[in-house]
Amino acid sequence: MTSLLAFYRDHVNQVLLPFWKPAVDAVHGGIFTCFNNTGETLVSTDKYTWSQGRFVWMWSRIARMIRDGMLEGDADLYLHQARQAAAFLHRNVFLPNGNCVYVLSAAGEQKSDDSSLYADCFVLLGFSEFASVAGDRELLERAFLLYDRLLSRLDSGVFRTDPYPIPTGYAAHSIAMVRLRFTQSLAAAARVLDHSRSSELAAAELAAAGALLAAFAQSDGAVAELIPSDPANRETILSRHATPGHVLESMWFVLRTAAASGQREWIAPACRSIEWAVRIGWDNEFGGLFRYTDREGGPPRGIAGDSPYEKLMLDTWDTKIWWPHSEALFSTLLGSKLSSQPPLHQMVHEYVFRTFPNPDARIGEWIQIRDRRGVPLDKVVALPVKDPYHILQNLLLCIELLHTEGRTIDYAPVGRLED
């Protein structure tokens, strides 16, 4: 393989999109995502708000990339389907209090309450990207209403985060990272459409990135997933555990903000954290990233309670799941471009593409959940969906990065990245 750019374009066009294009709901808008792990069977037509907001982002971004000559395809069709999905959400997702429901029926009937702040975050992400690509100032204003509501809820501390409730007495890295992500997206849309709050959002993005690094990243690159308010709890399994995928994800958020804003001093610590996540998360026997680890590597350990989250960690820590690996693809590629980071990307790339893509080309996509050895598991993670977001997002971002660089990356036989 000599051209990553060509490889990633081909994988998007030949493996991923052929699976997801038929899943678009042409009747009501949005996309069906409740497939089993192999992708053979649609098990429900429910529409989880997380996935619908993410779909709007993906299809809008694909339309943008086609227009910019980065991908081939019908930009108008992708944007039309993104518009239908955004309208489906706009009509149906909001509760009287302004929050978003967790799950809708295929036709848009509300089947839940506002049980997860993350639902609102991903609706905001989708609305922002669509508004930017389509020039939709009305939807941008709706995104700002959602943004202000989210900030109010975050500042109050009164919100839910199903399916993973944050343990009482802990500050969560996941909240800091999602705040940076939705602020980034809205700031970009505000800048493109010259919104009156553009300067405010740019400052908020910088503040969110700085706060994430200051609160959760340590000088050696370690990143805490949960920080206890009581120092006596520092040796609990909750305090000691790490989630490599979250580190890889949040640090490319930081790198993007650092590169765009000129905050060069953030690049080295973010890259150290990417290296740390790969080092403590990598399975040296079978390859791939563990789902959870101890902060010093190996299985999560420490003083344990009986919360559902602790049980989840202990039961699934050594599984190999799709989303951390797709995040690793982009974060290690971006890190190698912005710093003298060791060449981690090739190791990640080779494991990912020999492990996750569905061997049945008639189905395509990835078999997303596997055991330590890479054997498929018929299970669900978080939402009961086969969510395309992480895979497509990160391959699209890799394509953007490689296209913008104006050159390919070739892998030398010794395993070192060469420009």
Protein backbone atom coordinates (compact mmCIF):
# COMPACT_ATOMS: atom_id res chain seq x y z
CA MET A 1 0.00 0.00 0.00
CA THR A 2 1.59 3.23 -1.11
CA SER A 3 -1.16 5.80 -0.77
CA LEU A 4 -3.20 6.19 2.39
CA LEU A 5 -5.32 8.84 0.74
CA ALA A 6 -6.39 6.49 -2.05
CA PHE A 7 -6.87 3.63 0.41
CA TYR A 8 -9.13 5.62 2.74
CA ARG A 9 -11.17 7.04 -0.12
CA ASP A 10 -11.67 3.54 -1.49
CA HIS A 11 -12.66 2.17 1.92
CA VAL A 12 -15.25 4.91 2.40
CA ASN A 13 -16.69 4.52 -1.11
CA GLN A 14 -16.53 0.73 -1.46
CA VAL A 15 -16.96 -0.63 2.08
CA LEU A 16 -18.73 1.89 4.31
CA LEU A 17 -21.10 3.98 2.22
CA PRO A 18 -22.63 1.03 0.32
CA PHE A 19 -23.82 -0.31 3.67
CA TRP A 20 -25.23 2.98 4.97
CA LYS A 21 -26.80 4.52 1.89
CA PRO A 22 -29.70 2.00 1.85
CA ALA A 23 -30.26 2.62 5.59
CA VAL A 24 -31.35 6.22 4.97
CA ASP A 25 -35.07 6.67 5.70
CA ALA A 26 -36.45 8.38 2.60
CA VAL A 27 -39.95 8.56 4.11
CA HIS A 28 -39.46 10.31 7.46
CA GLY A 29 -35.83 11.40 7.28
CA GLY A 30 -32.85 10.22 9.28
CA ILE A 31 -31.20 6.81 9.21
CA PHE A 32 -31.82 3.34 10.60
CA THR A 33 -28.93 2.13 12.76
CA CYS A 34 -30.28 -0.73 14.91
CA PHE A 35 -28.48 -3.53 13.09
CA ASN A 36 -26.89 -6.56 14.67
CA ASN A 37 -23.10 -6.57 14.97
CA THR A 38 -22.51 -8.23 11.61
CA GLY A 39 -24.89 -5.87 9.84
CA GLU A 40 -27.04 -8.66 8.44
CA THR A 41 -30.27 -7.80 10.26
CA LEU A 42 -32.14 -4.60 11.11
CA VAL A 43 -33.46 -5.42 14.57
CA SER A 44 -35.40 -2.19 15.24
CA THR A 45 -36.53 0.94 13.44
CA ASP A 46 -36.16 3.11 16.54
CA LYS A 47 -34.02 6.19 15.99
CA TYR A 48 -31.63 7.05 18.81
CA THR A 49 -31.03 10.78 18.91
CA TRP A 50 -27.27 10.38 19.28
CA SER A 51 -27.07 8.58 15.95
CA GLN A 52 -29.45 10.89 14.10
CA GLY A 53 -27.49 14.01 15.05
CA ARG A 54 -24.27 12.28 14.07
CA PHE A 55 -25.80 11.27 10.73
CA VAL A 56 -26.61 14.91 9.95
CA TRP A 57 -22.96 15.78 10.66
CA MET A 58 -21.62 12.94 8.49
CA TRP A 59 -23.80 13.51 5.45
CA SER A 60 -23.22 17.28 5.62
CA ARG A 61 -19.47 16.79 5.86
CA ILE A 62 -19.49 14.37 2.91
CA ALA A 63 -21.39 16.94 0.83
CA ARG A 64 -18.78 19.57 1.76
CA MET A 65 -15.91 17.25 0.81
CA ILE A 66 -17.47 16.37 -2.55
CA ARG A 67 -17.86 20.08 -3.31
CA ASP A 68 -14.22 20.63 -2.36
CA GLY A 69 -12.98 17.83 -4.62
CA MET A 70 -11.94 15.49 -1.79
CA LEU A 71 -14.50 12.79 -2.56
CA GLU A 72 -16.58 11.71 -5.52
CA GLY A 73 -20.36 11.61 -5.40
CA ASP A 74 -23.54 13.66 -5.57
CA ALA A 75 -23.14 16.48 -3.07
CA ASP A 76 -26.71 17.67 -3.59
CA LEU A 77 -28.13 14.24 -2.70
CA TYR A 78 -26.09 13.98 0.50
CA LEU A 79 -27.09 17.48 1.53
CA HIS A 80 -30.75 16.78 0.70
CA GLN A 81 -30.73 13.71 2.95
CA ALA A 82 -28.94 15.65 5.68
CA ARG A 83 -31.60 18.36 5.40
CA GLN A 84 -34.37 15.75 5.75
CA ALA A 85 -32.71 14.32 8.85
CA ALA A 86 -32.19 17.76 10.40
CA ALA A 87 -35.85 18.59 9.74
CA PHE A 88 -36.91 15.26 11.28
CA LEU A 89 -35.01 16.16 14.44
CA HIS A 90 -36.21 19.75 14.48
CA ARG A 91 -39.83 18.59 14.29
CA ASN A 92 -39.68 15.79 16.79
CA VAL A 93 -36.74 15.75 19.16
CA PHE A 94 -37.42 18.70 21.46
CA LEU A 95 -39.28 18.42 24.75
CA PRO A 96 -41.24 21.36 26.23
CA ASN A 97 -38.22 22.24 28.40
CA GLY A 98 -35.99 22.57 25.34
CA ASN A 99 -34.02 19.37 25.95
CA CYS A 100 -33.77 16.49 23.48
CA VAL A 101 -35.39 13.10 23.87
CA TYR A 102 -33.18 10.02 23.95
CA VAL A 103 -35.00 7.92 21.34
CA LEU A 104 -37.70 8.39 18.69
CA SER A 105 -39.76 5.99 16.64
CA ALA A 106 -39.20 5.76 12.91
CA ALA A 107 -41.97 8.30 12.34
CA GLY A 108 -40.73 10.64 15.07
CA GLU A 109 -42.86 9.72 18.09
CA GLN A 110 -41.07 10.48 21.33
CA LYS A 111 -40.29 7.23 23.17
CA SER A 112 -38.23 8.57 26.09
CA ASP A 113 -37.45 11.57 28.25
CA ASP A 114 -34.33 13.75 28.34
CA SER A 115 -32.26 10.99 29.89
CA SER A 116 -28.94 11.86 28.22
CA LEU A 117 -27.19 15.17 27.73
CA TYR A 118 -25.20 13.49 24.96
CA ALA A 119 -28.30 13.41 22.78
CA ASP A 120 -28.43 17.22 22.84
CA CYS A 121 -24.68 17.43 22.17
CA PHE A 122 -24.93 15.42 18.96
CA VAL A 123 -28.01 17.25 17.70
CA LEU A 124 -26.01 20.45 18.16
CA LEU A 125 -23.08 18.91 16.30
CA GLY A 126 -25.28 17.94 13.36
CA PHE A 127 -27.16 21.24 13.21
CA SER A 128 -23.90 23.21 13.27
CA GLU A 129 -22.31 21.27 10.43
CA PHE A 130 -25.43 21.35 8.26
CA ALA A 131 -25.90 25.09 8.85
CA SER A 132 -22.31 25.71 7.83
CA VAL A 133 -22.45 23.62 4.65
CA ALA A 134 -25.95 24.68 3.56
CA GLY A 135 -25.69 28.32 4.69
CA ASP A 136 -28.78 27.77 6.83
CA ARG A 137 -28.83 30.72 9.23
CA GLU A 138 -32.19 29.72 10.70
CA LEU A 139 -30.89 26.33 11.79
CA LEU A 140 -27.75 28.00 13.13
CA GLU A 141 -29.95 30.09 15.42
CA ARG A 142 -31.62 26.90 16.62
CA ALA A 143 -28.18 25.47 17.29
CA PHE A 144 -27.34 28.51 19.41
CA LEU A 145 -30.51 28.01 21.48
CA LEU A 146 -29.45 24.42 22.07
CA TYR A 147 -25.91 25.53 22.92
CA ASP A 148 -27.11 28.03 25.51
CA ARG A 149 -29.40 25.41 27.02
CA LEU A 150 -26.53 22.92 27.21
CA LEU A 151 -24.26 25.42 28.97
CA SER A 152 -26.98 26.17 31.49
CA ARG A 153 -27.43 22.48 32.27
CA LEU A 154 -23.70 21.86 32.51
CA ASP A 155 -23.21 24.83 34.82
CA SER A 156 -26.07 23.68 37.05
CA GLY A 157 -24.74 20.13 37.28
CA VAL A 158 -28.28 18.82 36.84
CA PHE A 159 -28.31 16.47 33.87
CA ARG A 160 -28.23 12.76 33.03
CA THR A 161 -25.72 10.92 30.88
CA ASP A 162 -27.40 7.60 30.05
CA PRO A 163 -26.33 4.95 29.22
CA TYR A 164 -23.30 5.72 31.42
CA PRO A 165 -24.34 7.75 34.48
CA ILE A 166 -21.41 9.66 35.98
CA PRO A 167 -20.66 8.31 39.47
CA THR A 168 -21.52 10.70 42.27
CA GLY A 169 -18.51 12.59 43.57
CA TYR A 170 -16.46 12.51 40.36
CA ALA A 171 -15.69 14.99 37.58
CA ALA A 172 -15.83 13.31 34.17
CA HIS A 173 -13.39 13.70 31.29
CA SER A 174 -16.23 12.73 28.94
CA ILE A 175 -18.12 15.92 29.77
CA ALA A 176 -15.09 18.15 29.19
CA MET A 177 -14.37 16.53 25.84
CA VAL A 178 -17.91 16.66 24.49
CA ARG A 179 -18.14 20.31 25.54
CA LEU A 180 -15.03 21.06 23.50
CA ARG A 181 -16.37 19.13 20.52
CA PHE A 182 -19.76 20.82 20.26
CA THR A 183 -18.19 24.23 20.91
CA GLN A 184 -15.67 23.62 18.12
CA SER A 185 -18.41 22.71 15.70
CA LEU A 186 -20.62 25.69 16.52
CA ALA A 187 -17.64 28.06 16.48
CA ALA A 188 -16.73 26.85 12.98
CA ALA A 189 -20.28 27.36 11.73
CA ALA A 190 -20.48 30.81 13.33
CA ARG A 191 -17.23 31.78 11.65
CA VAL A 192 -18.32 30.53 8.20
CA LEU A 193 -21.66 32.33 8.40
CA ASP A 194 -20.18 35.45 10.05
CA HIS A 195 -22.52 35.19 13.03
CA SER A 196 -22.56 38.01 15.59
CA ARG A 197 -21.45 35.56 18.30
CA SER A 198 -18.48 34.26 16.34
CA SER A 199 -15.81 35.90 18.54
CA GLU A 200 -17.57 34.67 21.67
CA LEU A 201 -17.58 31.09 20.38
CA ALA A 202 -13.93 31.26 19.33
CA ALA A 203 -13.04 32.31 22.87
CA ALA A 204 -15.27 29.59 24.33
CA GLU A 205 -13.50 26.97 22.19
CA LEU A 206 -10.11 28.07 23.49
CA ALA A 207 -11.39 28.05 27.05
CA ALA A 208 -12.84 24.55 26.67
CA ALA A 209 -9.60 23.14 25.26
CA GLY A 210 -7.48 24.80 27.94
CA ALA A 211 -9.79 23.63 30.71
CA LEU A 212 -9.72 20.03 29.47
CA LEU A 213 -5.92 19.94 29.45
CA ALA A 214 -5.60 21.67 32.80
CA ALA A 215 -8.11 19.47 34.60
CA PHE A 216 -7.52 16.00 33.15
CA ALA A 217 -4.09 15.78 31.43
CA GLN A 218 -0.94 15.26 33.49
CA SER A 219 2.65 16.18 32.64
CA ASP A 220 3.57 12.57 31.79
CA GLY A 221 0.69 12.32 29.31
CA ALA A 222 -1.70 10.40 31.56
CA VAL A 223 -5.33 11.48 31.29
CA ALA A 224 -7.79 10.86 34.12
CA GLU A 225 -11.21 9.58 33.12
CA LEU A 226 -12.80 10.38 36.48
CA ILE A 227 -11.42 12.75 39.13
CA PRO A 228 -12.74 12.28 42.67
CA SER A 229 -13.85 15.30 44.67
CA ASP A 230 -12.62 13.48 47.79
CA PRO A 231 -8.84 12.77 47.67
CA ALA A 232 -9.48 9.68 49.81
CA ASN A 233 -10.97 8.05 46.70
CA ARG A 234 -7.87 8.35 44.51
CA GLU A 235 -7.18 4.62 44.65
CA THR A 236 -10.67 3.44 43.74
CA ILE A 237 -11.10 1.56 40.50
CA LEU A 238 -13.13 4.51 39.23
CA SER A 239 -10.26 6.93 39.85
CA ARG A 240 -7.53 4.62 38.57
CA HIS A 241 -9.09 3.44 35.33
CA ALA A 242 -8.38 4.87 31.89
CA THR A 243 -10.40 4.80 28.69
CA PRO A 244 -7.84 4.90 25.86
CA GLY A 245 -10.44 5.68 23.20
CA HIS A 246 -11.61 8.79 25.03
CA VAL A 247 -8.04 10.02 25.36
CA LEU A 248 -7.35 9.54 21.66
CA GLU A 249 -10.61 11.27 20.77
CA SER A 250 -10.31 14.26 23.08
CA MET A 251 -6.68 14.91 22.23
CA TRP A 252 -7.35 15.30 18.54
CA PHE A 253 -10.03 17.81 19.52
CA VAL A 254 -7.32 19.70 21.40
CA LEU A 255 -4.85 19.38 18.51
CA ARG A 256 -7.37 20.78 16.02
CA THR A 257 -8.05 23.78 18.23
CA ALA A 258 -4.33 24.28 18.93
CA ALA A 259 -3.39 24.18 15.24
CA ALA A 260 -6.22 26.47 14.14
CA SER A 261 -5.72 29.05 16.89
CA GLY A 262 -1.95 29.11 17.07
CA GLN A 263 -1.83 27.64 20.58
CA ARG A 264 1.32 25.69 19.78
CA GLU A 265 2.07 25.04 23.44
CA TRP A 266 -0.86 22.61 23.57
CA ILE A 267 0.46 20.36 20.81
CA ALA A 268 3.22 18.61 22.77
CA PRO A 269 1.07 17.68 25.80
CA ALA A 270 -1.78 16.49 23.58
CA CYS A 271 0.61 14.31 21.57
CA ARG A 272 2.12 12.93 24.79
CA SER A 273 -1.36 11.90 25.85
CA ILE A 274 -1.98 10.18 22.50
CA GLU A 275 1.26 8.24 22.95
CA TRP A 276 0.30 7.38 26.54
CA ALA A 277 -3.12 6.09 25.51
CA VAL A 278 -1.63 3.81 22.87
CA ARG A 279 1.13 2.61 25.21
CA ILE A 280 -1.09 1.70 28.17
CA GLY A 281 -3.98 0.55 25.99
CA TRP A 282 -2.18 -1.64 23.46
CA ASP A 283 -2.45 -5.42 23.74
CA ASN A 284 1.09 -6.63 23.13
CA GLU A 285 -0.06 -10.23 22.75
CA PHE A 286 -2.94 -9.98 20.28
CA GLY A 287 -2.75 -6.37 19.13
CA GLY A 288 -5.36 -3.65 19.34
CA LEU A 289 -6.59 -1.37 22.08
CA PHE A 290 -8.25 -2.55 25.25
CA ARG A 291 -11.57 -0.90 26.06
CA TYR A 292 -10.50 -0.02 29.64
CA THR A 293 -7.21 -0.26 31.50
CA ASP A 294 -5.60 0.74 34.75
CA ARG A 295 -3.73 4.05 34.59
CA GLU A 296 -0.49 2.03 34.69
CA GLY A 297 -1.68 -0.48 32.09
CA GLY A 298 -3.27 -3.89 32.43
CA PRO A 299 -6.73 -4.68 33.79
CA PRO A 300 -8.58 -1.99 35.79
CA ARG A 301 -7.77 -2.37 39.45
CA GLY A 302 -8.24 -0.56 42.74
CA ILE A 303 -10.82 -0.35 45.50
CA ALA A 304 -14.02 -1.53 43.86
CA GLY A 305 -17.68 -0.94 44.55
CA ASP A 306 -20.70 -2.53 42.94
CA SER A 307 -21.88 0.19 40.55
CA PRO A 308 -22.97 -0.83 37.03
CA TYR A 309 -20.07 1.13 35.54
CA GLU A 310 -17.51 -0.75 37.60
CA LYS A 311 -19.08 -4.06 36.60
CA LEU A 312 -18.98 -2.99 32.95
CA MET A 313 -15.28 -2.15 33.21
CA LEU A 314 -14.36 -5.46 34.77
CA ASP A 315 -16.53 -7.52 32.41
CA THR A 316 -15.47 -5.86 29.14
CA TRP A 317 -12.06 -4.29 29.71
CA ASP A 318 -10.22 -6.56 27.25
CA THR A 319 -12.72 -6.38 24.38
CA LYS A 320 -11.67 -4.77 21.12
CA ILE A 321 -14.35 -2.38 19.89
CA TRP A 322 -14.50 -0.26 16.78
CA TRP A 323 -14.68 3.29 18.00
CA PRO A 324 -11.36 3.60 19.93
CA HIS A 325 -9.56 2.13 16.94
CA SER A 326 -11.12 4.53 14.46
CA GLU A 327 -10.24 7.42 16.80
CA ALA A 328 -6.68 6.08 16.94
CA LEU A 329 -6.44 6.19 13.15
CA PHE A 330 -6.96 9.94 12.99
CA SER A 331 -5.33 11.00 16.26
CA THR A 332 -2.06 9.22 15.49
CA LEU A 333 -2.04 10.53 11.92
CA LEU A 334 -2.69 14.11 13.06
CA GLY A 335 -0.16 13.80 15.87
CA SER A 336 2.52 12.65 13.43
CA LYS A 337 1.84 15.70 11.27
CA LEU A 338 1.98 18.25 14.08
CA SER A 339 4.87 16.92 16.15
CA SER A 340 7.78 14.52 16.33
CA GLN A 341 5.46 11.87 17.75
CA PRO A 342 6.69 8.29 17.25
CA PRO A 343 5.19 6.62 14.15
CA LEU A 344 2.22 4.97 15.82
CA HIS A 345 -0.16 5.28 12.93
CA GLN A 346 1.09 2.35 10.86
CA MET A 347 0.74 -0.09 13.78
CA VAL A 348 -2.83 1.09 14.39
CA HIS A 349 -3.72 1.10 10.70
CA GLU A 350 -2.48 -2.43 10.08
CA TYR A 351 -4.32 -3.86 13.08
CA VAL A 352 -7.57 -2.05 12.24
CA PHE A 353 -7.80 -3.17 8.64
CA ARG A 354 -6.88 -6.77 9.28
CA THR A 355 -9.39 -6.98 12.15
CA PHE A 356 -12.54 -4.89 11.81
CA PRO A 357 -13.81 -4.79 8.19
CA ASN A 358 -16.53 -7.35 7.56
CA PRO A 359 -15.01 -10.26 5.62
CA ASP A 360 -18.32 -10.65 3.80
CA ALA A 361 -18.03 -8.00 1.09
CA ARG A 362 -21.71 -8.44 0.25
CA ILE A 363 -22.55 -6.81 3.60
CA GLY A 364 -19.58 -4.50 4.07
CA GLU A 365 -18.95 -2.06 6.93
CA TRP A 366 -17.17 -3.36 10.06
CA ILE A 367 -17.93 -6.07 12.58
CA GLN A 368 -17.61 -3.62 15.40
CA ILE A 369 -17.41 -5.63 18.63
CA ARG A 370 -14.80 -8.33 19.16
CA ASP A 371 -13.15 -10.23 21.97
CA ARG A 372 -9.49 -9.91 22.90
CA ARG A 373 -8.36 -12.22 20.10
CA GLY A 374 -10.51 -10.40 17.56
CA VAL A 375 -13.34 -12.93 17.39
CA PRO A 376 -16.73 -11.22 16.71
CA LEU A 377 -19.10 -10.89 19.66
CA ASP A 378 -22.85 -10.60 19.15
CA LYS A 379 -23.26 -7.78 21.67
CA VAL A 380 -24.13 -4.09 21.86
CA VAL A 381 -22.09 -1.21 23.27
CA ALA A 382 -23.83 1.79 24.85
CA LEU A 383 -26.77 2.31 22.49
CA PRO A 384 -28.18 -0.80 20.78
CA VAL A 385 -27.05 0.44 17.39
CA LYS A 386 -24.41 -0.16 14.75
CA ASP A 387 -23.45 3.50 14.66
CA PRO A 388 -21.39 4.57 11.61
CA TYR A 389 -20.22 7.82 13.18
CA HIS A 390 -16.76 7.09 14.55
CA ILE A 391 -15.61 5.08 11.54
CA LEU A 392 -16.82 7.49 8.88
CA GLN A 393 -15.91 10.59 10.86
CA ASN A 394 -12.31 9.57 11.33
CA LEU A 395 -11.75 8.27 7.83
CA LEU A 396 -13.25 11.49 6.45
CA LEU A 397 -10.92 13.50 8.68
CA CYS A 398 -7.94 11.41 7.54
CA ILE A 399 -8.91 12.08 3.92
CA GLU A 400 -9.23 15.81 4.61
CA LEU A 401 -5.83 15.89 6.30
CA LEU A 402 -4.05 13.93 3.58
CA HIS A 403 -5.77 15.85 0.78
CA THR A 404 -4.94 19.20 2.35
CA GLU A 405 -1.33 18.18 2.80
CA GLY A 406 -1.19 17.75 -0.96
CA ARG A 407 0.94 14.63 -0.68
CA THR A 408 0.65 10.99 0.23
CA ILE A 409 2.24 9.13 3.09
CA ASP A 410 4.11 5.98 2.11
CA TYR A 411 4.94 3.22 4.55
CA ALA A 412 8.59 2.14 4.44
CA PRO A 413 9.30 -1.56 4.99
CA VAL A 414 10.87 -0.84 8.38
CA GLY A 415 7.53 0.45 9.63
CA ARG A 416 8.42 4.13 9.82
CA LEU A 417 6.17 6.88 8.48
CA GLU A 418 7.84 8.78 5.67
CA ASP A 419 6.48 11.92 4.05
